[in-house]
């Protein structure tokens, strides 16, 4: 080989080495990789995730941690695919928001640490393994139904749920029991795609609407609220919604949950096994009344209920 040819080969090798190093440097800079499954485009989960990232930044963990965010649609196949992608990447921990996402990860029988948030308490046992920990929420269906009944005479209650989301199905079943005990007729509205909400509600004659903790239902909140306002009927949102679109909302504080799971992730990345990181209930439960929309619809909240609220929207 001539001197010129040898120089060309050396220069080419140096260039390729530099290109490889430049491409690999972001990965090399990250000591840890966290996979996150955030189901759907839901403000509640966005607030939770924002608090989670903020806590990672505050602790200094974010500086050397790569966060891979998956945002699947809330159906079983999409959740399974999101879980499998993160498992294939061999991330150091998987963070999920909501019971359906947690159940999807557990079903894969992975040994990667799972940290969950916003899991409805009856499903905390279902996602409990030696590789999981997190924050679950205790919320009262019967209390929210009582608040809803205080706004209007109800004989026909519409319940929006999604048969693909385990927690939503459970809540629908429990509400059906409560309704039967109180002599109410319950009309299930099985919403599998949020775009179908308007069509599913059209032509119904309901006295009130109860929105379960379905991610699909939360994505359709604008359509549901619009229908309720047109019909001048109260509507209550359970589990996820903290905004002003429903007249009554009961939810666990997302900021508190985001901070707690960040602390648990840090412990796991520091070498503590997930089974030794205690799962716990969220303490920050909020009851929110939308006085502004209630007054506009001619619905009056009793002072007793107003005093129970943690937040009033005026």
Protein backbone atom coordinates (compact mmCIF):
# COMPACT_ATOMS: atom_id res chain seq x y z
CA UNK A 1 0.00 0.00 0.00
CA UNK A 2 1.32 3.41 -0.96
CA UNK A 3 1.92 6.14 1.60
CA UNK A 4 -0.94 8.17 0.11
CA UNK A 5 -3.33 5.23 0.35
CA UNK A 6 -2.26 4.52 3.93
CA UNK A 7 -2.92 8.15 4.90
CA UNK A 8 -6.36 8.01 3.29
CA UNK A 9 -7.22 4.82 5.25
CA UNK A 10 -6.00 6.35 8.51
CA UNK A 11 -7.99 9.55 7.92
CA UNK A 12 -11.12 7.55 7.07
CA UNK A 13 -10.75 5.40 10.19
CA UNK A 14 -10.32 8.50 12.34
CA UNK A 15 -13.42 10.05 10.82
CA UNK A 16 -15.50 6.93 11.43
CA UNK A 17 -14.27 6.70 15.04
CA UNK A 18 -15.15 10.34 15.63
CA UNK A 19 -18.62 9.83 14.11
CA UNK A 20 -19.28 6.80 16.31
CA UNK A 21 -18.12 8.63 19.43
CA UNK A 22 -20.23 11.67 18.56
CA UNK A 23 -23.31 9.52 18.03
CA UNK A 24 -22.75 7.52 21.19
CA UNK A 25 -21.89 10.40 23.48
CA UNK A 26 -25.47 11.18 24.61
CA UNK A 27 -25.95 7.56 25.63
CA UNK A 28 -22.59 7.47 27.36
CA UNK A 29 -23.48 10.62 29.29
CA UNK A 30 -26.60 8.98 30.74
CA UNK A 31 -25.80 6.63 33.59
CA UNK A 32 -29.43 5.57 33.95
CA UNK A 33 -32.41 5.15 31.66
CA UNK A 34 -35.98 5.45 32.90
CA UNK A 35 -38.90 4.40 30.72
CA UNK A 36 -42.23 6.16 31.31
CA UNK A 37 -45.67 5.08 30.08
CA UNK A 38 -48.05 8.04 30.14
CA UNK A 39 -51.40 6.93 28.75
CA UNK A 40 -53.24 9.30 26.48
CA UNK A 41 -53.28 13.09 26.27
CA UNK A 42 -54.63 13.83 29.74
CA UNK A 43 -53.88 17.02 31.74
CA UNK A 44 -53.84 15.04 34.99
CA UNK A 45 -51.04 12.75 33.78
CA UNK A 46 -49.20 15.71 32.30
CA UNK A 47 -49.22 17.39 35.72
CA UNK A 48 -48.05 14.17 37.37
CA UNK A 49 -45.21 13.72 34.88
CA UNK A 50 -44.16 17.37 35.19
CA UNK A 51 -43.88 16.97 38.98
CA UNK A 52 -41.95 13.72 38.52
CA UNK A 53 -39.39 15.36 36.21
CA UNK A 54 -39.13 18.44 38.44
CA UNK A 55 -38.29 16.24 41.42
CA UNK A 56 -35.65 14.39 39.40
CA UNK A 57 -34.12 17.76 38.52
CA UNK A 58 -34.24 18.91 42.12
CA UNK A 59 -32.46 15.79 43.33
CA UNK A 60 -29.79 16.08 40.62
CA UNK A 61 -30.75 12.70 39.16
CA UNK A 62 -31.97 14.15 35.88
CA UNK A 63 -28.47 15.37 34.95
CA UNK A 64 -27.28 11.82 34.32
CA UNK A 65 -30.57 10.08 33.53
CA UNK A 66 -32.27 9.61 30.18
CA UNK A 67 -36.09 9.53 30.31
CA UNK A 68 -37.78 7.65 27.47
CA UNK A 69 -41.44 8.67 27.31
CA UNK A 70 -44.06 6.40 25.71
CA UNK A 71 -47.56 7.87 25.16
CA UNK A 72 -49.75 4.99 23.95
CA UNK A 73 -53.47 5.22 23.33
CA UNK A 74 -55.34 3.64 26.26
CA UNK A 75 -56.09 0.27 24.70
CA UNK A 76 -54.59 -3.07 25.70
CA UNK A 77 -52.52 -3.65 22.56
CA UNK A 78 -50.95 -0.19 22.65
CA UNK A 79 -50.12 -0.53 26.35
CA UNK A 80 -48.55 -3.96 25.83
CA UNK A 81 -46.47 -2.64 22.92
CA UNK A 82 -45.27 0.31 25.01
CA UNK A 83 -44.28 -2.02 27.84
CA UNK A 84 -42.42 -4.36 25.48
CA UNK A 85 -40.50 -1.51 23.86
CA UNK A 86 -39.15 -0.35 27.21
CA UNK A 87 -38.35 -3.91 28.29
CA UNK A 88 -36.48 -4.48 25.01
CA UNK A 89 -34.46 -1.33 25.71
CA UNK A 90 -33.50 -2.87 29.08
CA UNK A 91 -34.20 0.37 30.94
CA UNK A 92 -33.21 0.63 34.60
CA UNK A 93 -36.78 1.32 35.76
CA UNK A 94 -40.25 1.63 34.26
CA UNK A 95 -42.59 4.33 35.55
CA UNK A 96 -46.29 4.10 34.72
CA UNK A 97 -49.35 6.24 35.35
CA UNK A 98 -52.62 4.37 35.94
CA UNK A 99 -53.65 0.78 36.67
CA UNK A 100 -54.03 -0.40 33.04
CA UNK A 101 -50.42 0.55 32.22
CA UNK A 102 -49.15 -1.06 35.44
CA UNK A 103 -51.09 -4.25 34.71
CA UNK A 104 -49.65 -4.35 31.18
CA UNK A 105 -46.08 -4.21 32.52
CA UNK A 106 -46.69 -6.80 35.25
CA UNK A 107 -48.20 -9.18 32.67
CA UNK A 108 -44.85 -9.22 30.83
CA UNK A 109 -43.23 -10.78 33.94
CA UNK A 110 -40.20 -8.54 33.61
CA UNK A 111 -37.61 -8.19 36.36
CA UNK A 112 -37.14 -4.50 35.57
CA UNK A 113 -38.23 -2.35 38.50
CA UNK A 114 -41.75 -0.97 38.11
CA UNK A 115 -42.82 2.26 39.84
CA UNK A 116 -46.49 3.15 39.46
CA UNK A 117 -48.63 6.18 40.26
CA UNK A 118 -52.38 6.85 40.17
CA UNK A 119 -53.33 3.20 40.59
CA UNK A 120 -56.85 2.84 42.01
CA UNK A 121 -56.50 1.05 45.34
CA UNK A 122 -58.40 -2.19 44.52
CA UNK A 123 -55.72 -2.85 41.88
CA UNK A 124 -52.71 -2.21 44.14
CA UNK A 125 -52.66 -5.91 45.07
CA UNK A 126 -52.88 -6.91 41.41
CA UNK A 127 -49.71 -5.01 40.49
CA UNK A 128 -47.80 -6.02 43.60
CA UNK A 129 -44.69 -8.07 42.79
CA UNK A 130 -41.18 -8.26 44.18
CA UNK A 131 -40.14 -5.88 41.39
CA UNK A 132 -42.81 -3.19 41.88
CA UNK A 133 -43.66 -0.30 44.17
CA UNK A 134 -45.48 2.98 43.85
CA UNK A 135 -48.37 5.19 44.91
CA UNK A 136 -52.00 4.09 44.90
CA UNK A 137 -55.11 6.20 45.44
CA UNK A 138 -58.06 5.77 47.79
CA UNK A 139 -61.17 7.49 46.49
CA UNK A 140 -64.82 6.99 47.42
CA UNK A 141 -67.28 6.22 44.64
CA UNK A 142 -70.22 6.41 47.03
CA UNK A 143 -69.22 9.87 48.24
CA UNK A 144 -68.92 11.25 44.74
CA UNK A 145 -72.31 9.76 43.85
CA UNK A 146 -73.77 11.44 46.94
CA UNK A 147 -72.36 14.81 45.89
CA UNK A 148 -73.81 14.33 42.41
CA UNK A 149 -77.27 13.48 43.77
CA UNK A 150 -77.25 16.64 45.89
CA UNK A 151 -77.33 18.74 42.71
CA UNK A 152 -80.43 17.25 41.10
CA UNK A 153 -83.14 14.63 41.31
CA UNK A 154 -81.63 11.59 39.59
CA UNK A 155 -83.50 8.55 38.34
CA UNK A 156 -81.47 7.79 35.22
CA UNK A 157 -77.67 7.98 35.67
CA UNK A 158 -75.29 7.72 32.73
CA UNK A 159 -71.89 6.22 33.52
CA UNK A 160 -69.05 6.69 31.04
CA UNK A 161 -66.50 3.88 31.19
CA UNK A 162 -64.20 1.84 28.94
CA UNK A 163 -64.41 -1.95 28.91
CA UNK A 164 -60.70 -2.13 27.97
CA UNK A 165 -59.57 -0.36 31.18
CA UNK A 166 -59.71 -2.61 34.23
CA UNK A 167 -60.17 0.11 36.83
CA UNK A 168 -62.93 1.78 34.83
CA UNK A 169 -64.82 -1.53 34.53
CA UNK A 170 -64.50 -2.08 38.28
CA UNK A 171 -65.84 1.39 39.03
CA UNK A 172 -68.78 0.86 36.68
CA UNK A 173 -69.60 -2.39 38.47
CA UNK A 174 -69.46 -0.77 41.89
CA UNK A 175 -71.62 2.14 40.74
CA UNK A 176 -74.16 -0.32 39.36
CA UNK A 177 -74.43 -1.88 42.84
CA UNK A 178 -74.85 1.51 44.53
CA UNK A 179 -77.44 2.54 41.94
CA UNK A 180 -79.46 -0.63 42.49
CA UNK A 181 -79.45 -0.06 46.26
CA UNK A 182 -80.76 3.48 45.77
CA UNK A 183 -83.36 2.65 43.15
CA UNK A 184 -81.52 4.40 40.33
CA UNK A 185 -81.48 3.26 36.74
CA UNK A 186 -77.94 3.16 35.39
CA UNK A 187 -77.05 3.53 31.73
CA UNK A 188 -73.55 2.37 30.83
CA UNK A 189 -71.79 4.28 28.06
CA UNK A 190 -68.89 2.12 26.90
CA UNK A 191 -66.46 4.54 25.28
CA UNK A 192 -63.50 2.87 23.56
CA UNK A 193 -62.42 5.82 21.39
CA UNK A 194 -62.66 9.36 22.68
CA UNK A 195 -63.77 10.66 19.28
CA UNK A 196 -67.02 8.68 19.63
CA UNK A 197 -68.28 10.45 22.76
CA UNK A 198 -70.63 12.86 21.00
CA UNK A 199 -72.24 10.08 18.97
CA UNK A 200 -72.52 7.80 22.02
CA UNK A 201 -74.32 10.51 24.02
CA UNK A 202 -76.60 11.74 21.24
CA UNK A 203 -80.29 11.09 21.87
CA UNK A 204 -79.88 9.95 25.47
CA UNK A 205 -82.12 11.34 28.19
CA UNK A 206 -80.03 11.33 31.34
CA UNK A 207 -80.47 13.10 34.67
CA UNK A 208 -76.72 13.16 35.42
CA UNK A 209 -73.42 11.75 34.17
CA UNK A 210 -70.75 9.98 36.19
CA UNK A 211 -67.35 9.76 34.48
CA UNK A 212 -65.17 6.90 35.70
CA UNK A 213 -61.38 6.92 35.84
CA UNK A 214 -61.15 5.90 32.20
CA UNK A 215 -58.35 7.58 30.27
CA UNK A 216 -60.49 7.49 27.12
CA UNK A 217 -63.34 9.22 28.99
CA UNK A 218 -60.96 11.89 30.26
CA UNK A 219 -59.75 12.50 26.71
CA UNK A 220 -63.41 13.04 25.74
CA UNK A 221 -64.14 15.40 28.64
CA UNK A 222 -64.85 18.40 26.42
CA UNK A 223 -67.52 16.50 24.47
CA UNK A 224 -69.08 15.09 27.65
CA UNK A 225 -69.13 18.50 29.36
CA UNK A 226 -70.65 20.12 26.28
CA UNK A 227 -73.45 17.54 26.27
CA UNK A 228 -74.06 18.04 30.01
CA UNK A 229 -74.24 21.82 29.65
CA UNK A 230 -76.67 21.54 26.72
CA UNK A 231 -78.89 19.21 28.74
CA UNK A 232 -78.36 21.28 31.91
CA UNK A 233 -77.51 18.20 33.95
CA UNK A 234 -74.74 17.74 36.54
CA UNK A 235 -71.67 15.66 35.76
CA UNK A 236 -68.99 14.33 38.09
CA UNK A 237 -65.52 13.09 37.25
CA UNK A 238 -63.78 10.43 39.28
CA UNK A 239 -60.08 9.77 39.73
CA UNK A 240 -58.35 11.80 37.03
CA UNK A 241 -59.86 15.18 36.31
CA UNK A 242 -58.73 18.21 38.32
CA UNK A 243 -59.74 20.89 35.85
CA UNK A 244 -62.86 22.97 35.51
CA UNK A 245 -64.69 20.95 32.88
CA UNK A 246 -66.74 18.79 35.28
CA UNK A 247 -69.00 20.25 37.95
CA UNK A 248 -67.59 17.92 40.61
CA UNK A 249 -64.19 16.23 40.57
CA UNK A 250 -62.58 13.90 43.07
CA UNK A 251 -58.90 13.17 42.51
CA UNK A 252 -55.60 12.45 44.22
CA UNK A 253 -53.14 15.31 43.88
CA UNK A 254 -50.86 14.59 40.89
CA UNK A 255 -47.98 16.78 42.09
CA UNK A 256 -47.71 14.85 45.34
CA UNK A 257 -47.69 11.54 43.47
CA UNK A 258 -45.08 12.72 40.98
CA UNK A 259 -42.72 13.72 43.79
CA UNK A 260 -43.23 10.46 45.68
CA UNK A 261 -42.51 8.21 42.71
CA UNK A 262 -39.40 10.24 41.87
CA UNK A 263 -38.12 9.53 45.38
CA UNK A 264 -38.84 5.81 44.91
CA UNK A 265 -37.06 5.75 41.55
CA UNK A 266 -34.02 7.37 43.12
CA UNK A 267 -33.89 4.72 45.84
CA UNK A 268 -34.08 1.96 43.25
CA UNK A 269 -31.32 3.51 41.13
CA UNK A 270 -29.24 3.78 44.31
CA UNK A 271 -29.43 0.00 44.60
CA UNK A 272 -32.38 -0.60 46.94
CA UNK A 273 -34.54 -3.52 45.66
CA UNK A 274 -38.10 -2.45 44.70
CA UNK A 275 -39.58 -4.88 47.22
CA UNK A 276 -37.88 -2.91 49.99
CA UNK A 277 -39.25 0.43 48.75
CA UNK A 278 -42.63 0.76 50.44
CA UNK A 279 -45.74 1.25 48.30
CA UNK A 280 -48.01 3.89 49.81
CA UNK A 281 -51.34 5.64 49.45
CA UNK A 282 -51.57 9.19 48.17
CA UNK A 283 -52.45 11.62 50.95
CA UNK A 284 -53.54 14.57 48.84
CA UNK A 285 -57.15 13.85 47.86
CA UNK A 286 -58.99 16.85 46.44
CA UNK A 287 -62.71 17.52 46.09
CA UNK A 288 -63.35 20.25 43.53
CA UNK A 289 -66.67 22.01 42.84
CA UNK A 290 -67.19 24.18 39.78
CA UNK A 291 -69.49 26.89 41.15
CA UNK A 292 -69.20 28.99 38.01
CA UNK A 293 -70.68 26.39 35.66
CA UNK A 294 -73.14 25.10 38.26
CA UNK A 295 -74.63 28.58 38.69
CA UNK A 296 -74.78 29.08 34.92
CA UNK A 297 -76.77 25.84 34.62
CA UNK A 298 -79.12 26.79 37.46
CA UNK A 299 -77.73 24.15 39.82
CA UNK A 300 -77.15 25.13 43.44
CA UNK A 301 -74.61 23.59 45.78
CA UNK A 302 -75.61 23.34 49.42
CA UNK A 303 -73.37 25.07 51.96
CA UNK A 304 -72.67 21.69 53.49
CA UNK A 305 -71.07 20.50 50.26
CA UNK A 306 -69.26 23.78 49.69
CA UNK A 307 -67.58 23.46 53.07
CA UNK A 308 -66.40 19.95 52.21
CA UNK A 309 -64.64 21.12 49.05
CA UNK A 310 -60.88 21.56 48.97
CA UNK A 311 -61.18 23.89 45.97
CA UNK A 312 -63.97 26.00 44.47
CA UNK A 313 -63.96 27.27 40.93
CA UNK A 314 -65.82 30.60 40.88
